[in-house]
N, C-alpha and C. Protein backbone atom coordinates (compact mmCIF):
# COMPACT_ATOMS: atom_id res chain seq x y z
N MET A 1 23.93 -19.77 -10.34
CA MET A 1 24.10 -18.70 -11.31
C MET A 1 25.19 -18.26 -11.70
N ALA A 2 25.90 -17.63 -13.04
CA ALA A 2 26.90 -17.25 -13.12
C ALA A 2 27.20 -16.24 -12.68
N LYS A 3 28.39 -16.19 -11.98
CA LYS A 3 28.94 -15.17 -11.18
C LYS A 3 29.41 -13.61 -12.04
N PHE A 4 29.63 -14.00 -13.69
CA PHE A 4 29.48 -13.11 -13.99
C PHE A 4 28.53 -12.24 -14.30
N LEU A 5 27.15 -12.69 -13.94
CA LEU A 5 26.15 -12.17 -14.64
C LEU A 5 25.69 -11.16 -12.84
N ASP A 6 26.25 -11.68 -11.96
CA ASP A 6 25.78 -11.14 -10.47
C ASP A 6 25.65 -9.44 -10.65
N ARG A 7 27.27 -9.03 -11.25
CA ARG A 7 26.92 -7.43 -11.02
C ARG A 7 25.73 -6.86 -11.61
N TRP A 8 25.39 -7.23 -12.77
CA TRP A 8 25.06 -6.94 -13.94
C TRP A 8 23.23 -7.08 -13.22
N MET A 9 22.91 -7.98 -13.44
CA MET A 9 21.68 -8.85 -12.43
C MET A 9 21.47 -7.71 -11.16
N ILE A 10 22.30 -7.30 -9.92
CA ILE A 10 21.69 -6.83 -8.95
C ILE A 10 21.85 -5.35 -9.42
N LYS A 11 22.61 -5.29 -10.06
CA LYS A 11 22.36 -3.50 -10.26
C LYS A 11 20.97 -3.26 -11.05
N ALA A 12 20.79 -4.22 -12.22
CA ALA A 12 19.17 -3.83 -12.77
C ALA A 12 18.32 -4.14 -11.84
N LEU A 13 18.38 -5.24 -10.77
CA LEU A 13 16.94 -5.22 -9.74
C LEU A 13 16.88 -4.30 -8.97
N THR A 14 18.14 -3.64 -8.35
CA THR A 14 17.97 -2.77 -7.60
C THR A 14 17.60 -1.48 -8.05
N GLU A 15 17.89 -1.08 -9.40
CA GLU A 15 17.10 0.01 -10.24
C GLU A 15 15.74 -0.30 -10.01
N GLY A 16 15.74 -1.27 -10.48
CA GLY A 16 14.23 -1.50 -11.00
C GLY A 16 13.12 -1.52 -9.85
N ALA A 17 13.46 -1.85 -8.68
CA ALA A 17 13.16 -2.00 -7.37
C ALA A 17 12.85 -0.75 -6.68
N ASN A 18 13.94 0.51 -6.76
CA ASN A 18 14.12 1.80 -6.29
C ASN A 18 13.12 2.57 -7.54
N GLN A 19 12.79 2.31 -8.46
CA GLN A 19 12.24 2.78 -9.31
C GLN A 19 10.37 2.70 -9.30
N ILE A 20 9.99 1.16 -9.04
CA ILE A 20 8.94 1.13 -8.30
C ILE A 20 8.51 1.85 -7.01
N VAL A 21 9.48 1.53 -6.24
CA VAL A 21 9.21 2.24 -4.82
C VAL A 21 8.91 3.80 -4.90
N ALA A 22 9.70 4.34 -6.03
CA ALA A 22 9.66 5.68 -5.84
C ALA A 22 8.01 6.20 -6.75
N ASN A 23 7.75 5.25 -7.62
CA ASN A 23 6.37 5.15 -7.92
C ASN A 23 5.33 5.06 -7.25
N ALA A 24 5.41 4.28 -6.07
CA ALA A 24 4.37 3.84 -5.24
C ALA A 24 4.35 5.04 -4.21
N ARG A 25 5.67 5.42 -3.80
CA ARG A 25 5.14 6.53 -2.93
C ARG A 25 4.98 8.22 -3.85
N SER A 26 5.18 8.19 -5.05
CA SER A 26 3.93 9.53 -5.68
C SER A 26 2.99 8.81 -5.65
N ASN A 27 2.44 7.81 -6.12
CA ASN A 27 0.93 7.55 -5.77
C ASN A 27 0.40 7.57 -4.65
N VAL A 28 1.27 7.38 -3.49
CA VAL A 28 0.63 7.96 -2.22
C VAL A 28 0.55 9.34 -2.38
N SER A 29 1.29 10.10 -2.69
CA SER A 29 1.26 11.69 -2.67
C SER A 29 -0.20 11.85 -3.33
N GLU A 30 -0.39 11.30 -4.73
CA GLU A 30 -1.08 11.70 -5.53
C GLU A 30 -2.59 11.27 -4.92
N LYS A 31 -2.72 10.54 -4.37
CA LYS A 31 -4.15 9.95 -3.53
C LYS A 31 -4.27 10.54 -2.58
N HIS A 32 -3.38 11.29 -1.77
CA HIS A 32 -3.43 12.10 -0.63
C HIS A 32 -3.80 11.03 0.85
N LEU A 33 -2.62 10.23 0.56
CA LEU A 33 -2.61 9.23 1.52
C LEU A 33 -1.74 9.29 2.80
N ASN A 34 -2.19 8.75 3.92
CA ASN A 34 -0.62 9.43 4.92
C ASN A 34 0.43 9.25 4.62
N SER A 35 1.27 10.63 4.80
CA SER A 35 2.85 10.05 4.51
C SER A 35 3.49 9.15 5.30
N ARG A 36 3.12 9.02 6.29
CA ARG A 36 3.77 7.52 6.62
C ARG A 36 3.99 6.38 5.95
N ILE A 37 2.93 6.35 5.11
CA ILE A 37 2.99 5.29 4.05
C ILE A 37 4.25 5.44 3.47
N SER A 38 4.68 6.19 2.61
CA SER A 38 5.67 6.44 1.78
C SER A 38 6.78 5.88 2.63
N SER A 39 7.02 6.21 3.88
CA SER A 39 8.38 5.90 4.53
C SER A 39 8.05 4.52 5.14
N ALA A 40 7.05 3.76 4.95
CA ALA A 40 6.50 2.42 5.25
C ALA A 40 7.24 1.47 3.87
N ILE A 41 7.41 2.26 2.64
CA ILE A 41 7.81 1.14 1.46
C ILE A 41 9.31 1.53 1.40
N THR A 42 9.87 0.21 1.17
CA THR A 42 11.31 0.26 1.60
C THR A 42 12.20 -0.86 0.54
N VAL A 43 13.10 -0.75 0.18
CA VAL A 43 13.92 -1.91 -0.91
C VAL A 43 14.70 -2.71 0.42
N GLY A 44 14.82 -3.67 -0.15
CA GLY A 44 15.70 -5.03 0.45
C GLY A 44 16.79 -4.81 -0.28
N ASP A 45 17.93 -5.62 0.09
CA ASP A 45 19.13 -5.63 -0.36
C ASP A 45 18.81 -7.01 -1.31
N PRO A 46 19.78 -6.73 -2.32
CA PRO A 46 19.53 -7.73 -3.76
C PRO A 46 20.24 -9.21 -3.14
N GLN A 47 19.72 -10.31 -3.61
CA GLN A 47 19.87 -11.39 -3.03
C GLN A 47 20.33 -12.00 -4.37
N VAL A 48 21.62 -13.38 -4.04
CA VAL A 48 21.53 -14.12 -5.43
C VAL A 48 20.92 -15.60 -4.81
N THR A 49 20.22 -15.80 -5.44
CA THR A 49 19.39 -17.43 -5.06
C THR A 49 20.07 -18.20 -5.65
N PRO A 50 20.18 -19.66 -5.01
CA PRO A 50 20.41 -20.95 -5.86
C PRO A 50 19.59 -20.66 -7.42
N THR A 51 18.15 -20.19 -7.36
CA THR A 51 17.84 -20.28 -8.82
C THR A 51 17.81 -19.05 -9.40
N GLY A 52 18.20 -17.63 -9.26
CA GLY A 52 18.14 -16.76 -9.68
C GLY A 52 18.84 -15.69 -8.76
N TYR A 53 18.08 -14.87 -8.87
CA TYR A 53 18.13 -13.15 -8.38
C TYR A 53 16.41 -12.92 -7.58
N GLU A 54 17.09 -12.01 -6.69
CA GLU A 54 15.43 -11.52 -5.95
C GLU A 54 16.08 -10.39 -5.35
N ILE A 55 14.72 -9.34 -5.09
CA ILE A 55 14.63 -8.22 -4.33
C ILE A 55 13.30 -7.98 -3.71
N VAL A 56 13.50 -7.61 -2.54
CA VAL A 56 12.19 -7.30 -1.75
C VAL A 56 11.69 -6.08 -1.60
N ILE A 57 10.48 -5.66 -2.08
CA ILE A 57 10.18 -4.21 -1.65
C ILE A 57 9.07 -4.76 -0.56
N ARG A 58 9.31 -4.09 0.66
CA ARG A 58 8.76 -3.94 1.77
C ARG A 58 7.90 -2.92 2.03
N LEU A 59 6.76 -3.27 2.45
CA LEU A 59 5.69 -2.37 3.38
C LEU A 59 5.37 -2.52 4.34
N ASN A 60 6.09 -1.98 5.68
CA ASN A 60 6.16 -2.27 7.17
C ASN A 60 4.72 -1.64 7.67
N LEU A 61 3.87 -2.80 7.63
CA LEU A 61 2.81 -2.36 8.10
C LEU A 61 2.18 -2.52 9.41
N LYS A 62 3.75 -2.74 10.57
CA LYS A 62 3.66 -2.50 11.83
C LYS A 62 3.48 -1.59 12.27
N ASP A 63 2.72 -1.08 13.78
CA ASP A 63 2.31 -0.01 14.26
C ASP A 63 3.96 0.20 15.35
N GLU A 64 4.58 1.04 14.53
CA GLU A 64 5.79 0.95 14.96
C GLU A 64 6.35 2.23 14.16
N PRO A 65 7.48 3.20 14.57
CA PRO A 65 8.29 4.02 13.44
C PRO A 65 8.73 3.44 12.43
N GLY A 66 8.24 4.15 11.31
CA GLY A 66 8.70 4.13 10.03
C GLY A 66 7.73 2.44 9.65
N GLY A 67 7.01 2.29 10.50
CA GLY A 67 5.67 1.66 9.90
C GLY A 67 4.47 2.60 9.64
N ALA A 68 3.12 1.86 8.85
CA ALA A 68 2.14 2.22 8.43
C ALA A 68 0.92 1.05 8.32
N PRO A 69 0.78 0.74 9.63
CA PRO A 69 -0.70 0.05 9.71
C PRO A 69 -2.00 0.17 9.04
N GLU A 70 -2.17 1.23 8.49
CA GLU A 70 -3.43 1.65 8.00
C GLU A 70 -3.16 1.51 6.18
N ALA A 71 -1.75 1.30 5.76
CA ALA A 71 -1.27 0.95 4.38
C ALA A 71 -1.87 -0.20 3.66
N ALA A 72 -2.17 -1.26 4.44
CA ALA A 72 -3.21 -2.46 3.89
C ALA A 72 -4.11 -2.02 3.47
N ALA A 73 -4.77 -1.14 4.58
CA ALA A 73 -6.68 -0.80 4.18
C ALA A 73 -6.78 0.18 2.73
N PHE A 74 -5.80 0.65 2.37
CA PHE A 74 -5.87 1.57 1.28
C PHE A 74 -5.04 0.95 0.00
N GLU A 75 -4.15 0.12 0.21
CA GLU A 75 -3.93 -1.05 -0.96
C GLU A 75 -5.25 -2.13 -1.39
N TYR A 76 -5.78 -2.25 -0.12
CA TYR A 76 -6.67 -3.46 -0.91
C TYR A 76 -8.04 -3.15 0.19
N GLY A 77 -8.33 -1.58 0.25
CA GLY A 77 -9.89 -1.59 0.89
C GLY A 77 -10.04 -2.45 2.56
N SER A 78 -10.92 -1.99 2.74
CA SER A 78 -11.24 -2.68 4.28
C SER A 78 -12.82 -2.69 4.45
N GLY A 79 -13.27 -3.11 5.69
CA GLY A 79 -14.36 -3.18 5.57
C GLY A 79 -15.29 -3.95 4.77
N ILE A 80 -16.35 -3.10 4.92
CA ILE A 80 -17.44 -3.30 3.34
C ILE A 80 -16.67 -3.27 1.92
N HIS A 81 -15.86 -2.29 1.95
CA HIS A 81 -14.55 -2.46 0.99
C HIS A 81 -13.95 -3.55 0.45
N ALA A 82 -13.12 -4.13 1.66
CA ALA A 82 -12.01 -4.94 1.41
C ALA A 82 -11.83 -5.94 0.01
N THR A 83 -11.04 -5.95 -0.73
CA THR A 83 -10.83 -6.61 -1.59
C THR A 83 -10.40 -8.16 -1.19
N LYS A 84 -9.66 -8.04 0.05
CA LYS A 84 -9.18 -9.46 0.38
C LYS A 84 -9.50 -9.34 2.08
N GLY A 85 -9.26 -10.43 2.33
CA GLY A 85 -9.86 -10.73 3.67
C GLY A 85 -11.49 -10.90 4.33
N VAL A 86 -12.10 -10.46 5.34
CA VAL A 86 -13.52 -10.42 5.27
C VAL A 86 -13.94 -9.29 5.42
N ARG A 87 -15.10 -9.16 4.75
CA ARG A 87 -15.84 -8.07 4.61
C ARG A 87 -16.62 -7.83 5.76
N GLY A 88 -16.77 -6.44 6.17
CA GLY A 88 -17.82 -6.12 7.10
C GLY A 88 -17.70 -5.03 7.63
N THR A 89 -18.15 -4.26 8.76
CA THR A 89 -17.94 -3.04 9.37
C THR A 89 -16.91 -3.24 10.42
N TYR A 90 -16.79 -1.74 11.08
CA TYR A 90 -15.67 -2.26 12.31
C TYR A 90 -16.47 -1.46 13.28
N GLU A 91 -16.49 -1.97 14.62
CA GLU A 91 -17.42 -1.41 15.64
C GLU A 91 -16.36 -0.63 16.20
N ILE A 92 -16.44 1.24 16.16
CA ILE A 92 -16.00 2.05 17.16
C ILE A 92 -16.71 2.01 18.33
N LEU A 93 -15.77 2.14 19.73
CA LEU A 93 -16.34 2.99 20.81
C LEU A 93 -15.57 4.05 21.41
N PRO A 94 -16.55 4.76 22.18
CA PRO A 94 -15.31 5.44 22.77
C PRO A 94 -14.35 5.18 23.78
N ARG A 95 -13.35 5.43 23.83
CA ARG A 95 -12.27 5.06 24.34
C ARG A 95 -12.45 5.89 26.15
N ASN A 96 -12.06 6.96 26.07
CA ASN A 96 -12.02 7.85 27.42
C ASN A 96 -13.30 8.79 27.44
N LYS A 97 -14.50 8.49 26.78
CA LYS A 97 -15.28 9.42 27.27
C LYS A 97 -16.68 8.28 26.97
N ARG A 98 -17.90 8.51 27.38
CA ARG A 98 -18.88 7.68 27.25
C ARG A 98 -19.64 7.57 26.17
N ALA A 99 -19.35 8.69 24.88
CA ALA A 99 -20.23 8.67 23.45
C ALA A 99 -18.70 9.62 22.57
N LEU A 100 -19.57 8.81 21.66
CA LEU A 100 -18.70 9.46 20.25
C LEU A 100 -19.79 10.57 19.53
N ALA A 101 -19.25 11.82 19.26
CA ALA A 101 -19.62 12.80 18.92
C ALA A 101 -19.24 12.92 17.36
N PHE A 102 -20.48 13.57 16.32
CA PHE A 102 -19.36 13.95 15.16
C PHE A 102 -20.37 15.15 14.97
N ARG A 103 -19.37 16.22 14.39
CA ARG A 103 -19.69 17.57 14.40
C ARG A 103 -19.84 18.14 13.04
N GLY A 104 -20.81 18.98 12.48
CA GLY A 104 -21.09 19.82 11.42
C GLY A 104 -20.50 19.20 9.63
N GLY A 105 -21.46 18.70 9.09
CA GLY A 105 -21.15 18.30 7.64
C GLY A 105 -21.59 16.72 7.64
N TRP A 106 -21.12 16.48 8.41
CA TRP A 106 -21.57 14.81 8.78
C TRP A 106 -22.52 14.39 8.77
N SER A 107 -23.15 13.35 8.23
CA SER A 107 -24.45 12.63 8.89
C SER A 107 -24.80 11.37 8.41
N PRO A 108 -25.84 10.63 9.02
CA PRO A 108 -25.50 9.19 8.56
C PRO A 108 -26.56 8.95 7.10
N GLU A 109 -26.53 8.17 6.34
CA GLU A 109 -26.98 8.04 4.96
C GLU A 109 -28.55 7.91 5.47
N ASN A 110 -29.04 7.02 6.58
CA ASN A 110 -30.57 7.31 6.52
C ASN A 110 -30.47 8.00 7.95
N PRO A 111 -30.80 9.36 8.19
CA PRO A 111 -31.05 10.14 9.64
C PRO A 111 -31.76 9.55 10.33
N ILE A 112 -33.52 9.05 10.00
CA ILE A 112 -34.01 8.30 10.71
C ILE A 112 -33.65 7.23 11.42
N GLY A 113 -33.34 6.12 10.45
CA GLY A 113 -32.65 4.76 11.27
C GLY A 113 -31.90 5.02 12.11
N ALA A 114 -30.90 5.95 11.81
CA ALA A 114 -29.88 6.31 12.75
C ALA A 114 -30.59 7.09 14.41
N MET A 115 -31.52 7.66 14.26
CA MET A 115 -31.77 7.96 15.41
C MET A 115 -33.11 6.98 16.14
N ASN A 116 -33.23 5.91 15.36
CA ASN A 116 -34.06 4.93 16.01
C ASN A 116 -33.08 3.57 16.27
N SER A 117 -32.08 3.63 16.29
CA SER A 117 -31.10 2.72 16.53
C SER A 117 -30.36 2.79 18.21
N GLU A 118 -30.36 1.58 18.81
CA GLU A 118 -29.99 1.65 19.83
C GLU A 118 -28.59 2.37 20.27
N LYS A 119 -27.51 2.36 19.02
CA LYS A 119 -26.44 3.34 19.30
C LYS A 119 -26.61 4.74 19.09
N PHE A 120 -27.55 5.56 18.92
CA PHE A 120 -27.65 6.83 19.07
C PHE A 120 -28.43 7.10 20.27
N ILE A 121 -27.86 8.53 20.79
CA ILE A 121 -27.94 8.97 21.77
C ILE A 121 -28.68 10.26 21.80
N ASP A 122 -28.19 11.19 20.89
CA ASP A 122 -28.66 12.39 20.69
C ASP A 122 -28.10 13.10 19.47
N TYR A 123 -29.25 14.18 18.87
CA TYR A 123 -28.87 14.97 18.08
C TYR A 123 -28.81 16.18 18.60
N ILE A 124 -27.99 17.37 18.42
CA ILE A 124 -28.17 18.61 18.69
C ILE A 124 -28.18 19.27 17.27
N ASP A 125 -29.89 19.72 16.91
CA ASP A 125 -29.44 20.44 15.77
C ASP A 125 -28.93 22.00 15.76
N ASP A 126 -28.96 22.65 16.78
CA ASP A 126 -28.31 23.95 16.43
C ASP A 126 -26.72 23.96 15.98
N GLU A 127 -26.27 22.77 16.55
CA GLU A 127 -24.46 22.41 16.87
C GLU A 127 -24.33 21.42 15.65
N ASP A 128 -25.37 21.01 15.00
CA ASP A 128 -25.12 19.94 14.13
C ASP A 128 -24.01 18.78 14.30
N LEU A 129 -24.43 18.28 15.51
CA LEU A 129 -24.12 17.55 16.91
C LEU A 129 -25.15 16.14 16.55
N TRP A 130 -24.17 14.87 16.13
CA TRP A 130 -24.69 13.77 16.00
C TRP A 130 -24.27 12.94 17.21
N ILE A 131 -24.39 12.02 18.30
CA ILE A 131 -23.82 11.80 19.36
C ILE A 131 -24.46 10.16 19.47
N PHE A 132 -23.75 9.18 19.37
CA PHE A 132 -23.43 7.80 19.34
C PHE A 132 -22.87 7.46 20.68
N LYS A 133 -23.65 5.65 20.71
CA LYS A 133 -22.85 5.04 22.00
C LYS A 133 -21.62 4.44 21.12
N ARG A 134 -22.12 4.18 19.97
CA ARG A 134 -20.88 3.10 19.46
C ARG A 134 -21.21 3.52 17.74
N VAL A 135 -20.23 2.95 16.79
CA VAL A 135 -20.63 3.43 15.54
C VAL A 135 -20.67 1.90 14.79
N ASP A 136 -21.04 1.74 14.00
CA ASP A 136 -19.82 0.80 12.82
C ASP A 136 -19.63 1.28 11.52
N HIS A 137 -18.24 1.53 11.62
CA HIS A 137 -17.62 2.05 10.28
C HIS A 137 -17.40 1.07 9.49
N PRO A 138 -17.94 1.47 8.00
CA PRO A 138 -17.84 0.77 6.84
C PRO A 138 -16.74 0.52 6.31
N GLY A 139 -15.49 1.32 6.68
CA GLY A 139 -14.53 1.04 6.20
C GLY A 139 -14.08 2.07 5.03
N VAL A 140 -12.61 1.84 4.33
CA VAL A 140 -12.18 2.85 3.50
C VAL A 140 -12.08 1.77 1.92
N ALA A 141 -12.46 2.46 1.14
CA ALA A 141 -12.70 1.92 -0.30
C ALA A 141 -11.24 1.88 -0.84
N PRO A 142 -10.59 0.87 -1.50
CA PRO A 142 -9.15 0.60 -1.89
C PRO A 142 -8.85 1.96 -2.67
N ARG A 143 -7.50 2.06 -2.34
CA ARG A 143 -6.82 2.99 -2.93
C ARG A 143 -5.49 3.10 -3.32
N PRO A 144 -5.42 1.96 -4.18
CA PRO A 144 -4.15 1.22 -4.27
C PRO A 144 -2.87 2.26 -4.98
N PHE A 145 -1.58 1.79 -4.16
CA PHE A 145 -0.70 2.56 -4.48
C PHE A 145 0.67 1.92 -5.10
N LEU A 146 0.78 0.40 -4.33
CA LEU A 146 1.61 -0.35 -4.71
C LEU A 146 1.48 -0.68 -6.07
N ALA A 147 0.42 -2.09 -6.13
CA ALA A 147 0.27 -2.40 -6.97
C ALA A 147 0.31 -2.20 -8.23
N PRO A 148 -0.25 -0.90 -8.64
CA PRO A 148 -0.18 -0.58 -9.48
C PRO A 148 1.35 0.36 -9.83
N ALA A 149 2.42 0.61 -8.98
CA ALA A 149 3.45 1.01 -9.26
C ALA A 149 4.09 -0.30 -10.08
N ILE A 150 3.92 -1.38 -9.45
CA ILE A 150 4.43 -2.42 -9.78
C ILE A 150 4.28 -3.00 -11.48
N VAL A 151 2.47 -3.08 -11.54
CA VAL A 151 2.24 -3.06 -13.12
C VAL A 151 2.85 -2.28 -13.93
N ALA A 152 2.82 -0.95 -13.39
CA ALA A 152 3.42 0.09 -14.40
C ALA A 152 4.96 0.13 -14.66
N TYR A 153 5.53 -0.57 -13.93
CA TYR A 153 7.03 -0.67 -14.28
C TYR A 153 7.32 -2.19 -14.80
N LYS A 154 6.42 -3.00 -14.60
CA LYS A 154 6.91 -3.99 -15.17
C LYS A 154 7.35 -4.33 -16.31
N PRO A 155 7.18 -3.72 -17.69
CA PRO A 155 7.73 -3.56 -18.58
C PRO A 155 9.05 -3.44 -19.01
N ASN A 156 9.08 -2.14 -18.19
CA ASN A 156 10.62 -1.60 -18.13
C ASN A 156 11.92 -2.41 -17.31
N LEU A 157 11.03 -3.11 -16.57
CA LEU A 157 12.02 -3.99 -15.37
C LEU A 157 12.34 -5.02 -16.22
N ARG A 158 11.31 -5.98 -16.90
CA ARG A 158 11.49 -6.96 -18.15
C ARG A 158 13.25 -6.51 -19.01
N THR A 159 12.99 -5.25 -19.48
CA THR A 159 13.88 -4.91 -20.52
C THR A 159 14.93 -4.73 -19.49
N LYS A 160 14.70 -4.05 -18.56
CA LYS A 160 16.10 -3.80 -17.97
C LYS A 160 16.62 -5.41 -17.52
N ILE A 161 16.21 -6.00 -17.41
CA ILE A 161 16.75 -7.48 -16.77
C ILE A 161 17.24 -8.25 -18.19
N VAL A 162 16.66 -7.87 -19.28
CA VAL A 162 17.22 -8.37 -20.54
C VAL A 162 18.55 -7.69 -20.74
N ASN A 163 18.47 -6.61 -20.50
CA ASN A 163 19.83 -5.75 -20.95
C ASN A 163 20.87 -6.09 -20.00
N ALA A 164 21.09 -6.45 -19.16
CA ALA A 164 21.49 -6.95 -17.72
C ALA A 164 22.22 -8.27 -18.43
N PHE A 165 21.30 -9.01 -18.53
CA PHE A 165 21.74 -10.44 -18.94
C PHE A 165 22.67 -9.83 -19.91
N ALA A 166 21.98 -9.35 -21.39
CA ALA A 166 23.21 -8.96 -22.43
C ALA A 166 24.37 -8.36 -22.54
N SER A 167 24.32 -7.61 -21.16
CA SER A 167 25.58 -6.85 -20.76
C SER A 167 26.49 -7.75 -20.39
N GLY A 168 26.06 -8.50 -19.23
CA GLY A 168 26.89 -9.46 -18.64
C GLY A 168 27.31 -10.57 -19.55
N MET A 169 26.76 -11.27 -20.21
CA MET A 169 27.04 -11.74 -21.31
C MET A 169 28.13 -11.43 -22.54
N LYS A 170 28.09 -9.62 -23.09
CA LYS A 170 29.30 -9.14 -23.54
C LYS A 170 30.31 -9.10 -22.50
N SER A 171 30.25 -8.92 -21.45
CA SER A 171 31.31 -8.75 -20.37
C SER A 171 32.27 -9.96 -20.41
N ILE A 172 31.91 -11.11 -20.73
CA ILE A 172 32.90 -12.16 -20.74
C ILE A 172 33.61 -12.61 -21.98
N GLY A 173 33.38 -11.70 -23.03
CA GLY A 173 34.08 -11.57 -24.16
C GLY A 173 33.60 -12.01 -25.75
N LYS A 174 33.83 -12.54 -26.44
CA LYS A 174 33.26 -12.49 -27.71
C LYS A 174 33.07 -14.01 -28.05
N ARG A 175 33.06 -14.72 -27.13
CA ARG A 175 32.60 -16.27 -27.21
C ARG A 175 30.95 -16.43 -27.19
N VAL A 176 30.25 -15.10 -26.79
CA VAL A 176 28.83 -15.38 -27.30
C VAL A 176 28.50 -13.98 -28.12
N GLU A 177 27.58 -14.55 -29.03
CA GLU A 177 26.73 -13.47 -29.77
C GLU A 177 25.38 -13.15 -29.28
N ILE A 178 24.77 -12.00 -28.96
CA ILE A 178 23.77 -11.63 -28.60
C ILE A 178 22.73 -11.30 -29.73
N ILE A 179 21.71 -12.66 -30.00
CA ILE A 179 20.75 -11.98 -30.48
C ILE A 179 19.66 -11.62 -30.50
N LYS A 180 19.25 -10.56 -31.18
CA LYS A 180 17.75 -9.99 -30.54
C LYS A 180 16.65 -10.47 -31.26
């Protein structure tokens, strides 16, 4: 690529990527998702490549500080709601106890079927407490935050890049006329 364009294009890409990340973080907040997802969305350094320019918007899905492994489940859905990957339920087993208990306000879709399941242990009516050996979690429905931010900003980014190119061309002098 032409060196004289580098600063203009890198500035446009950086501003555009930062705006996409800001919009994605706003979507995370509006959709009441875990706030650590916002911290897991970052912008990489812009690069000049042999074929042009690039910048990476990263979503850290690792289970580490700064990561949010649950983010993919919200972006694409999980379990029976998955829009990518394998669809199905997730078996949840007790970790430190012999059973799983669900209290107050929760009840299975089919209480009679749940009580007849080999997973069922007990229901304590006066405490509204359901007790199971294990459960099959259906996953979460998609609540995308990153893809909508990219789609919403794409026209602005295209304009920003065209304007950066025009500014770069103008910076080399009157040898080039920009026709709109």
